[in-house]
């Protein structure tokens, strides 16, 4: 699970993604899906607490409350676009919108639960985001923003090899898409490939020097260069 070194991975979405209308679909449809999702979230809490008694029950209850609250924020949007997909299962716009919503839901869970104490609560949402992004790209392949979001979802969904393969495809097919290099730097550093991470982060800074992510990338570049210098000094006779 990621989050020990980096607070979060910023998304690679393009501004052209279709805006989500949270007011769509009948209220009874929204109410139904909220109830279903809340029931799933509360009952699917992993057993990660040790010991027993009131402390354990309190911790589980608190986690359930957080998950239910977060779920209620995203369920209406998923309901809206799921209704579209029921009649148009190959709607690219709806598939991406649902993927984006699950993506944001997963990030919200990570933020609420704490990056180092997520306990797998976010995995169902990442897996759902993956499923919808994959379906969208099967309909209309090649959108670098969607592909980068899929790579990030793979990464947080504990499919690191797929994350690297996908971001490398983005860099090959859309070499001017700067966010891909930022995320590639994170993926490579995770597997210990410092040289590849350094090259990707440097490329990101070159392409988007004024982006917020460029500041973060510069800090990581400095860290990687310091690590490299330290390693060189260690092996020098």
C-alpha atoms as a PDB file:
ATOM      1  CA  UNK A   1       0.000   0.000   0.000  1.00  0.00           C
ATOM      2  CA  UNK A   2       1.262   3.444  -0.920  1.00  0.00           C
ATOM      3  CA  UNK A   3       1.318   6.511   1.258  1.00  0.00           C
ATOM      4  CA  UNK A   4       4.415   6.030   3.397  1.00  0.00           C
ATOM      5  CA  UNK A   5       6.575   8.290   1.256  1.00  0.00           C
ATOM      6  CA  UNK A   6       4.013  10.431  -0.535  1.00  0.00           C
ATOM      7  CA  UNK A   7       0.781  11.893   0.758  1.00  0.00           C
ATOM      8  CA  UNK A   8      -1.025  11.128  -2.497  1.00  0.00           C
ATOM      9  CA  UNK A   9      -0.513  10.897  -6.227  1.00  0.00           C
ATOM     10  CA  UNK A  10      -2.006  13.815  -8.076  1.00  0.00           C
ATOM     11  CA  UNK A  11      -4.242  12.809 -10.952  1.00  0.00           C
ATOM     12  CA  UNK A  12      -3.409  13.220 -14.604  1.00  0.00           C
ATOM     13  CA  UNK A  13      -6.877  14.231 -15.679  1.00  0.00           C
ATOM     14  CA  UNK A  14      -7.442  16.608 -18.549  1.00  0.00           C
ATOM     15  CA  UNK A  15      -9.615  19.667 -18.155  1.00  0.00           C
ATOM     16  CA  UNK A  16     -11.782  18.330 -20.956  1.00  0.00           C
ATOM     17  CA  UNK A  17     -13.404  15.638 -18.846  1.00  0.00           C
ATOM     18  CA  UNK A  18     -17.170  15.997 -18.763  1.00  0.00           C
ATOM     19  CA  UNK A  19     -18.482  17.727 -15.654  1.00  0.00           C
ATOM     20  CA  UNK A  20     -20.578  15.601 -13.334  1.00  0.00           C
ATOM     21  CA  UNK A  21     -24.140  16.670 -12.674  1.00  0.00           C
ATOM     22  CA  UNK A  22     -24.923  15.517  -9.146  1.00  0.00           C
ATOM     23  CA  UNK A  23     -28.625  16.373  -9.537  1.00  0.00           C
ATOM     24  CA  UNK A  24     -29.363  13.746 -12.167  1.00  0.00           C
ATOM     25  CA  UNK A  25     -31.623  10.675 -11.624  1.00  0.00           C
ATOM     26  CA  UNK A  26     -34.734  10.254  -9.542  1.00  0.00           C
ATOM     27  CA  UNK A  27     -34.480  10.709  -5.789  1.00  0.00           C
ATOM     28  CA  UNK A  28     -35.725   7.182  -5.095  1.00  0.00           C
ATOM     29  CA  UNK A  29     -32.903   5.778  -7.231  1.00  0.00           C
ATOM     30  CA  UNK A  30     -30.363   7.816  -5.266  1.00  0.00           C
ATOM     31  CA  UNK A  31     -31.833   6.757  -1.949  1.00  0.00           C
ATOM     32  CA  UNK A  32     -31.768   3.106  -2.940  1.00  0.00           C
ATOM     33  CA  UNK A  33     -28.169   3.084  -4.073  1.00  0.00           C
ATOM     34  CA  UNK A  34     -27.045   5.043  -1.018  1.00  0.00           C
ATOM     35  CA  UNK A  35     -28.623   2.412   1.234  1.00  0.00           C
ATOM     36  CA  UNK A  36     -27.013  -0.410  -0.737  1.00  0.00           C
ATOM     37  CA  UNK A  37     -23.585   1.223  -0.776  1.00  0.00           C
ATOM     38  CA  UNK A  38     -23.666   2.143   2.889  1.00  0.00           C
ATOM     39  CA  UNK A  39     -24.644  -1.413   3.784  1.00  0.00           C
ATOM     40  CA  UNK A  40     -21.765  -2.736   1.703  1.00  0.00           C
ATOM     41  CA  UNK A  41     -19.229  -0.335   3.146  1.00  0.00           C
ATOM     42  CA  UNK A  42     -20.164  -0.957   6.768  1.00  0.00           C
ATOM     43  CA  UNK A  43     -20.295  -4.744   6.460  1.00  0.00           C
ATOM     44  CA  UNK A  44     -17.130  -4.971   4.357  1.00  0.00           C
ATOM     45  CA  UNK A  45     -14.840  -3.391   6.942  1.00  0.00           C
ATOM     46  CA  UNK A  46     -11.740  -5.575   7.196  1.00  0.00           C
ATOM     47  CA  UNK A  47     -11.013  -7.139  10.584  1.00  0.00           C
ATOM     48  CA  UNK A  48      -7.815  -5.266  11.334  1.00  0.00           C
ATOM     49  CA  UNK A  49      -8.204  -4.595  15.021  1.00  0.00           C
ATOM     50  CA  UNK A  50      -6.687  -6.799  17.684  1.00  0.00           C
ATOM     51  CA  UNK A  51      -7.916  -7.405  21.171  1.00  0.00           C
ATOM     52  CA  UNK A  52     -11.545  -7.171  22.224  1.00  0.00           C
ATOM     53  CA  UNK A  53     -14.051  -5.354  24.335  1.00  0.00           C
ATOM     54  CA  UNK A  54     -15.292  -1.818  24.035  1.00  0.00           C
ATOM     55  CA  UNK A  55     -12.086  -0.426  22.506  1.00  0.00           C
ATOM     56  CA  UNK A  56     -12.329  -2.737  19.500  1.00  0.00           C
ATOM     57  CA  UNK A  57     -16.030  -2.080  19.036  1.00  0.00           C
ATOM     58  CA  UNK A  58     -15.457   1.662  19.298  1.00  0.00           C
ATOM     59  CA  UNK A  59     -12.692   1.604  16.670  1.00  0.00           C
ATOM     60  CA  UNK A  60     -14.799  -0.465  14.288  1.00  0.00           C
ATOM     61  CA  UNK A  61     -17.793   1.792  14.810  1.00  0.00           C
ATOM     62  CA  UNK A  62     -15.708   4.906  14.171  1.00  0.00           C
ATOM     63  CA  UNK A  63     -14.321   3.426  10.954  1.00  0.00           C
ATOM     64  CA  UNK A  64     -17.814   2.471   9.843  1.00  0.00           C
ATOM     65  CA  UNK A  65     -19.088   5.975  10.516  1.00  0.00           C
ATOM     66  CA  UNK A  66     -16.296   7.512   8.443  1.00  0.00           C
ATOM     67  CA  UNK A  67     -16.817   5.118   5.551  1.00  0.00           C
ATOM     68  CA  UNK A  68     -20.575   5.647   5.564  1.00  0.00           C
ATOM     69  CA  UNK A  69     -20.191   9.426   5.590  1.00  0.00           C
ATOM     70  CA  UNK A  70     -17.729   9.371   2.698  1.00  0.00           C
ATOM     71  CA  UNK A  71     -19.866   6.923   0.739  1.00  0.00           C
ATOM     72  CA  UNK A  72     -22.896   9.181   1.024  1.00  0.00           C
ATOM     73  CA  UNK A  73     -20.961  11.940  -0.756  1.00  0.00           C
ATOM     74  CA  UNK A  74     -20.259   9.865  -3.861  1.00  0.00           C
ATOM     75  CA  UNK A  75     -23.198   7.453  -4.094  1.00  0.00           C
ATOM     76  CA  UNK A  76     -25.588   9.910  -5.807  1.00  0.00           C
ATOM     77  CA  UNK A  77     -23.151  10.565  -8.656  1.00  0.00           C
ATOM     78  CA  UNK A  78     -22.513   6.871  -9.161  1.00  0.00           C
ATOM     79  CA  UNK A  79     -26.265   6.311  -9.165  1.00  0.00           C
ATOM     80  CA  UNK A  80     -26.756   8.934 -11.855  1.00  0.00           C
ATOM     81  CA  UNK A  81     -24.226   7.517 -14.259  1.00  0.00           C
ATOM     82  CA  UNK A  82     -25.035   3.896 -13.441  1.00  0.00           C
ATOM     83  CA  UNK A  83     -28.550   4.653 -14.670  1.00  0.00           C
ATOM     84  CA  UNK A  84     -27.026   5.847 -17.948  1.00  0.00           C
ATOM     85  CA  UNK A  85     -24.867   2.736 -18.225  1.00  0.00           C
ATOM     86  CA  UNK A  86     -27.878   0.499 -17.675  1.00  0.00           C
ATOM     87  CA  UNK A  87     -29.259   1.677 -21.019  1.00  0.00           C
ATOM     88  CA  UNK A  88     -25.941   2.600 -22.676  1.00  0.00           C
ATOM     89  CA  UNK A  89     -23.280   0.192 -21.367  1.00  0.00           C
ATOM     90  CA  UNK A  90     -20.676   1.493 -23.812  1.00  0.00           C
ATOM     91  CA  UNK A  91     -21.130   5.179 -22.993  1.00  0.00           C
ATOM     92  CA  UNK A  92     -17.570   6.473 -22.774  1.00  0.00           C
ATOM     93  CA  UNK A  93     -18.646   9.605 -20.916  1.00  0.00           C
ATOM     94  CA  UNK A  94     -20.555   7.648 -18.265  1.00  0.00           C
ATOM     95  CA  UNK A  95     -17.826   5.030 -17.857  1.00  0.00           C
ATOM     96  CA  UNK A  96     -15.164   7.677 -17.282  1.00  0.00           C
ATOM     97  CA  UNK A  97     -17.443   9.625 -14.948  1.00  0.00           C
ATOM     98  CA  UNK A  98     -18.079   6.566 -12.785  1.00  0.00           C
ATOM     99  CA  UNK A  99     -14.363   5.738 -12.815  1.00  0.00           C
ATOM    100  CA  UNK A 100     -13.550   9.294 -11.752  1.00  0.00           C
ATOM    101  CA  UNK A 101     -16.108   9.162  -8.951  1.00  0.00           C
ATOM    102  CA  UNK A 102     -14.765   5.902  -7.557  1.00  0.00           C
ATOM    103  CA  UNK A 103     -11.249   7.383  -7.886  1.00  0.00           C
ATOM    104  CA  UNK A 104     -12.238  10.447  -5.846  1.00  0.00           C
ATOM    105  CA  UNK A 105     -14.112   8.269  -3.359  1.00  0.00           C
ATOM    106  CA  UNK A 106     -11.001   6.133  -2.794  1.00  0.00           C
ATOM    107  CA  UNK A 107      -8.839   9.224  -2.272  1.00  0.00           C
ATOM    108  CA  UNK A 108     -11.377  10.594   0.193  1.00  0.00           C
ATOM    109  CA  UNK A 109     -11.260   7.347   2.176  1.00  0.00           C
ATOM    110  CA  UNK A 110      -7.471   7.525   2.271  1.00  0.00           C
ATOM    111  CA  UNK A 111      -7.623  11.123   3.448  1.00  0.00           C
ATOM    112  CA  UNK A 112     -10.215  10.446   6.145  1.00  0.00           C
ATOM    113  CA  UNK A 113      -8.654   7.235   7.438  1.00  0.00           C
ATOM    114  CA  UNK A 114      -5.070   8.496   7.278  1.00  0.00           C
ATOM    115  CA  UNK A 115      -2.566   7.564   4.597  1.00  0.00           C
ATOM    116  CA  UNK A 116      -0.684   5.096   6.790  1.00  0.00           C
ATOM    117  CA  UNK A 117      -3.778   3.568   8.402  1.00  0.00           C
ATOM    118  CA  UNK A 118      -6.043   2.891   5.455  1.00  0.00           C
ATOM    119  CA  UNK A 119      -6.308  -0.811   6.218  1.00  0.00           C
ATOM    120  CA  UNK A 120      -7.590  -1.742   2.768  1.00  0.00           C
ATOM    121  CA  UNK A 121     -10.789   0.279   3.121  1.00  0.00           C
ATOM    122  CA  UNK A 122     -10.070   2.020  -0.180  1.00  0.00           C
ATOM    123  CA  UNK A 123      -9.396  -1.100  -2.260  1.00  0.00           C
ATOM    124  CA  UNK A 124     -12.997  -1.780  -3.377  1.00  0.00           C
ATOM    125  CA  UNK A 125     -13.208   1.746  -4.759  1.00  0.00           C
ATOM    126  CA  UNK A 126      -9.885   1.494  -6.608  1.00  0.00           C
ATOM    127  CA  UNK A 127     -10.967  -1.830  -8.103  1.00  0.00           C
ATOM    128  CA  UNK A 128     -14.255  -0.306  -9.253  1.00  0.00           C
ATOM    129  CA  UNK A 129     -12.407   2.658 -10.772  1.00  0.00           C
ATOM    130  CA  UNK A 130     -10.137   0.238 -12.614  1.00  0.00           C
ATOM    131  CA  UNK A 131     -13.067  -1.719 -14.014  1.00  0.00           C
ATOM    132  CA  UNK A 132     -14.776   1.387 -15.393  1.00  0.00           C
ATOM    133  CA  UNK A 133     -11.613   2.983 -16.791  1.00  0.00           C
ATOM    134  CA  UNK A 134     -10.739  -0.284 -18.544  1.00  0.00           C
ATOM    135  CA  UNK A 135     -14.221  -0.456 -20.059  1.00  0.00           C
ATOM    136  CA  UNK A 136     -13.961   3.174 -21.188  1.00  0.00           C
ATOM    137  CA  UNK A 137     -10.594   2.628 -22.855  1.00  0.00           C
ATOM    138  CA  UNK A 138     -11.929  -0.477 -24.578  1.00  0.00           C
ATOM    139  CA  UNK A 139     -14.575   1.779 -26.152  1.00  0.00           C
ATOM    140  CA  UNK A 140     -12.230   4.656 -27.013  1.00  0.00           C
ATOM    141  CA  UNK A 141      -8.522   3.986 -26.366  1.00  0.00           C
ATOM    142  CA  UNK A 142      -5.718   6.510 -26.217  1.00  0.00           C
ATOM    143  CA  UNK A 143      -6.899   9.287 -23.878  1.00  0.00           C
ATOM    144  CA  UNK A 144      -3.749  10.015 -21.811  1.00  0.00           C
ATOM    145  CA  UNK A 145      -5.656  11.523 -18.883  1.00  0.00           C
ATOM    146  CA  UNK A 146      -7.877   8.467 -18.470  1.00  0.00           C
ATOM    147  CA  UNK A 147      -4.921   6.127 -18.985  1.00  0.00           C
ATOM    148  CA  UNK A 148      -2.926   7.958 -16.312  1.00  0.00           C
ATOM    149  CA  UNK A 149      -5.832   7.773 -13.884  1.00  0.00           C
ATOM    150  CA  UNK A 150      -6.043   4.055 -14.615  1.00  0.00           C
ATOM    151  CA  UNK A 151      -2.324   3.713 -13.889  1.00  0.00           C
ATOM    152  CA  UNK A 152      -2.801   5.494 -10.554  1.00  0.00           C
ATOM    153  CA  UNK A 153      -5.749   3.230  -9.754  1.00  0.00           C
ATOM    154  CA  UNK A 154      -3.635   0.180 -10.536  1.00  0.00           C
ATOM    155  CA  UNK A 155      -0.945   1.557  -8.236  1.00  0.00           C
ATOM    156  CA  UNK A 156      -3.211   2.103  -5.261  1.00  0.00           C
ATOM    157  CA  UNK A 157      -5.097  -1.082  -6.135  1.00  0.00           C
ATOM    158  CA  UNK A 158      -1.895  -3.049  -5.505  1.00  0.00           C
ATOM    159  CA  UNK A 159      -1.201  -3.809  -9.171  1.00  0.00           C
ATOM    160  CA  UNK A 160       2.153  -2.074  -9.495  1.00  0.00           C
ATOM    161  CA  UNK A 161       3.319  -3.931 -12.605  1.00  0.00           C
ATOM    162  CA  UNK A 162       0.149  -2.888 -14.428  1.00  0.00           C
ATOM    163  CA  UNK A 163       0.591   0.701 -13.200  1.00  0.00           C
ATOM    164  CA  UNK A 164       4.099   0.873 -14.645  1.00  0.00           C
ATOM    165  CA  UNK A 165       3.062  -0.756 -17.916  1.00  0.00           C
ATOM    166  CA  UNK A 166       0.181   1.682 -18.341  1.00  0.00           C
ATOM    167  CA  UNK A 167       2.159   4.836 -17.551  1.00  0.00           C
ATOM    168  CA  UNK A 168       4.930   3.697 -19.883  1.00  0.00           C
ATOM    169  CA  UNK A 169       2.323   3.298 -22.615  1.00  0.00           C
ATOM    170  CA  UNK A 170       1.153   6.862 -21.963  1.00  0.00           C
ATOM    171  CA  UNK A 171       4.715   8.197 -22.173  1.00  0.00           C
ATOM    172  CA  UNK A 172       5.272   6.300 -25.429  1.00  0.00           C
ATOM    173  CA  UNK A 173       1.995   7.300 -27.090  1.00  0.00           C
ATOM    174  CA  UNK A 174       1.616  10.806 -25.617  1.00  0.00           C
ATOM    175  CA  UNK A 175       5.183  11.990 -24.902  1.00  0.00           C
ATOM    176  CA  UNK A 176       4.021  15.561 -24.258  1.00  0.00           C
ATOM    177  CA  UNK A 177       1.655  14.601 -21.428  1.00  0.00           C
ATOM    178  CA  UNK A 178       3.569  15.883 -18.406  1.00  0.00           C
ATOM    179  CA  UNK A 179       1.526  14.253 -15.576  1.00  0.00           C
ATOM    180  CA  UNK A 180       2.525  10.801 -16.799  1.00  0.00           C
ATOM    181  CA  UNK A 181       6.177  11.504 -16.016  1.00  0.00           C
ATOM    182  CA  UNK A 182       5.371  12.712 -12.506  1.00  0.00           C
ATOM    183  CA  UNK A 183       3.495   9.525 -11.703  1.00  0.00           C
ATOM    184  CA  UNK A 184       6.103   7.387 -13.453  1.00  0.00           C
ATOM    185  CA  UNK A 185       8.706   8.872 -11.131  1.00  0.00           C
ATOM    186  CA  UNK A 186       6.680   7.712  -8.138  1.00  0.00           C
ATOM    187  CA  UNK A 187       6.114   4.243  -9.559  1.00  0.00           C
ATOM    188  CA  UNK A 188       9.796   3.758 -10.407  1.00  0.00           C
ATOM    189  CA  UNK A 189      10.921   4.961  -7.011  1.00  0.00           C
ATOM    190  CA  UNK A 190       8.535   2.503  -5.385  1.00  0.00           C
ATOM    191  CA  UNK A 191      10.295  -0.425  -7.080  1.00  0.00           C
ATOM    192  CA  UNK A 192      13.731   1.015  -6.267  1.00  0.00           C
ATOM    193  CA  UNK A 193      14.660   2.102  -9.816  1.00  0.00           C
ATOM    194  CA  UNK A 194      16.194   5.428  -8.800  1.00  0.00           C
ATOM    195  CA  UNK A 195      17.704   6.160 -12.218  1.00  0.00           C
ATOM    196  CA  UNK A 196      14.385   5.789 -14.028  1.00  0.00           C
ATOM    197  CA  UNK A 197      12.585   7.761 -11.298  1.00  0.00           C
ATOM    198  CA  UNK A 198      15.096  10.590 -11.553  1.00  0.00           C
ATOM    199  CA  UNK A 199      14.837  10.751 -15.350  1.00  0.00           C
ATOM    200  CA  UNK A 200      11.024  10.783 -15.258  1.00  0.00           C
ATOM    201  CA  UNK A 201      10.834  13.488 -12.598  1.00  0.00           C
ATOM    202  CA  UNK A 202      13.386  15.655 -14.389  1.00  0.00           C
ATOM    203  CA  UNK A 203      11.388  15.316 -17.588  1.00  0.00           C
ATOM    204  CA  UNK A 204       8.233  16.364 -15.725  1.00  0.00           C
ATOM    205  CA  UNK A 205       9.927  19.503 -14.418  1.00  0.00           C
ATOM    206  CA  UNK A 206      11.245  20.340 -17.892  1.00  0.00           C
ATOM    207  CA  UNK A 207       7.776  19.994 -19.395  1.00  0.00           C
ATOM    208  CA  UNK A 208       5.780  21.725 -16.648  1.00  0.00           C
ATOM    209  CA  UNK A 209       8.160  23.917 -14.626  1.00  0.00           C
ATOM    210  CA  UNK A 210       5.377  26.049 -13.167  1.00  0.00           C
ATOM    211  CA  UNK A 211       3.045  23.214 -12.178  1.00  0.00           C
ATOM    212  CA  UNK A 212       2.405  22.535  -8.510  1.00  0.00           C
ATOM    213  CA  UNK A 213       3.702  19.024  -9.031  1.00  0.00           C
ATOM    214  CA  UNK A 214       7.002  20.428 -10.323  1.00  0.00           C
ATOM    215  CA  UNK A 215       7.831  21.752  -6.857  1.00  0.00           C
ATOM    216  CA  UNK A 216       7.239  18.315  -5.373  1.00  0.00           C
ATOM    217  CA  UNK A 217       9.224  16.708  -8.181  1.00  0.00           C
ATOM    218  CA  UNK A 218      12.190  19.013  -7.540  1.00  0.00           C
ATOM    219  CA  UNK A 219      12.250  17.974  -3.895  1.00  0.00           C
ATOM    220  CA  UNK A 220      12.213  14.292  -4.859  1.00  0.00           C
ATOM    221  CA  UNK A 221      14.938  14.906  -7.442  1.00  0.00           C
ATOM    222  CA  UNK A 222      17.116  16.435  -4.742  1.00  0.00           C
ATOM    223  CA  UNK A 223      16.461  13.422  -2.515  1.00  0.00           C
ATOM    224  CA  UNK A 224      17.328  10.974  -5.293  1.00  0.00           C
ATOM    225  CA  UNK A 225      20.498  12.856  -6.183  1.00  0.00           C
ATOM    226  CA  UNK A 226      21.526  12.915  -2.523  1.00  0.00           C
ATOM    227  CA  UNK A 227      20.875   9.183  -2.280  1.00  0.00           C
ATOM    228  CA  UNK A 228      22.997   8.623  -5.372  1.00  0.00           C
ATOM    229  CA  UNK A 229      25.852  10.711  -4.000  1.00  0.00           C
ATOM    230  CA  UNK A 230      25.744   8.849  -0.715  1.00  0.00           C
ATOM    231  CA  UNK A 231      25.844   5.488  -2.479  1.00  0.00           C
ATOM    232  CA  UNK A 232      28.814   6.597  -4.606  1.00  0.00           C
ATOM    233  CA  UNK A 233      30.746   7.706  -1.544  1.00  0.00           C
ATOM    234  CA  UNK A 234      30.033   4.373   0.134  1.00  0.00           C
ATOM    235  CA  UNK A 235      31.572   2.286  -2.671  1.00  0.00           C
ATOM    236  CA  UNK A 236      34.475   4.609  -3.476  1.00  0.00           C
ATOM    237  CA  UNK A 237      37.838   3.163  -2.285  1.00  0.00           C
END
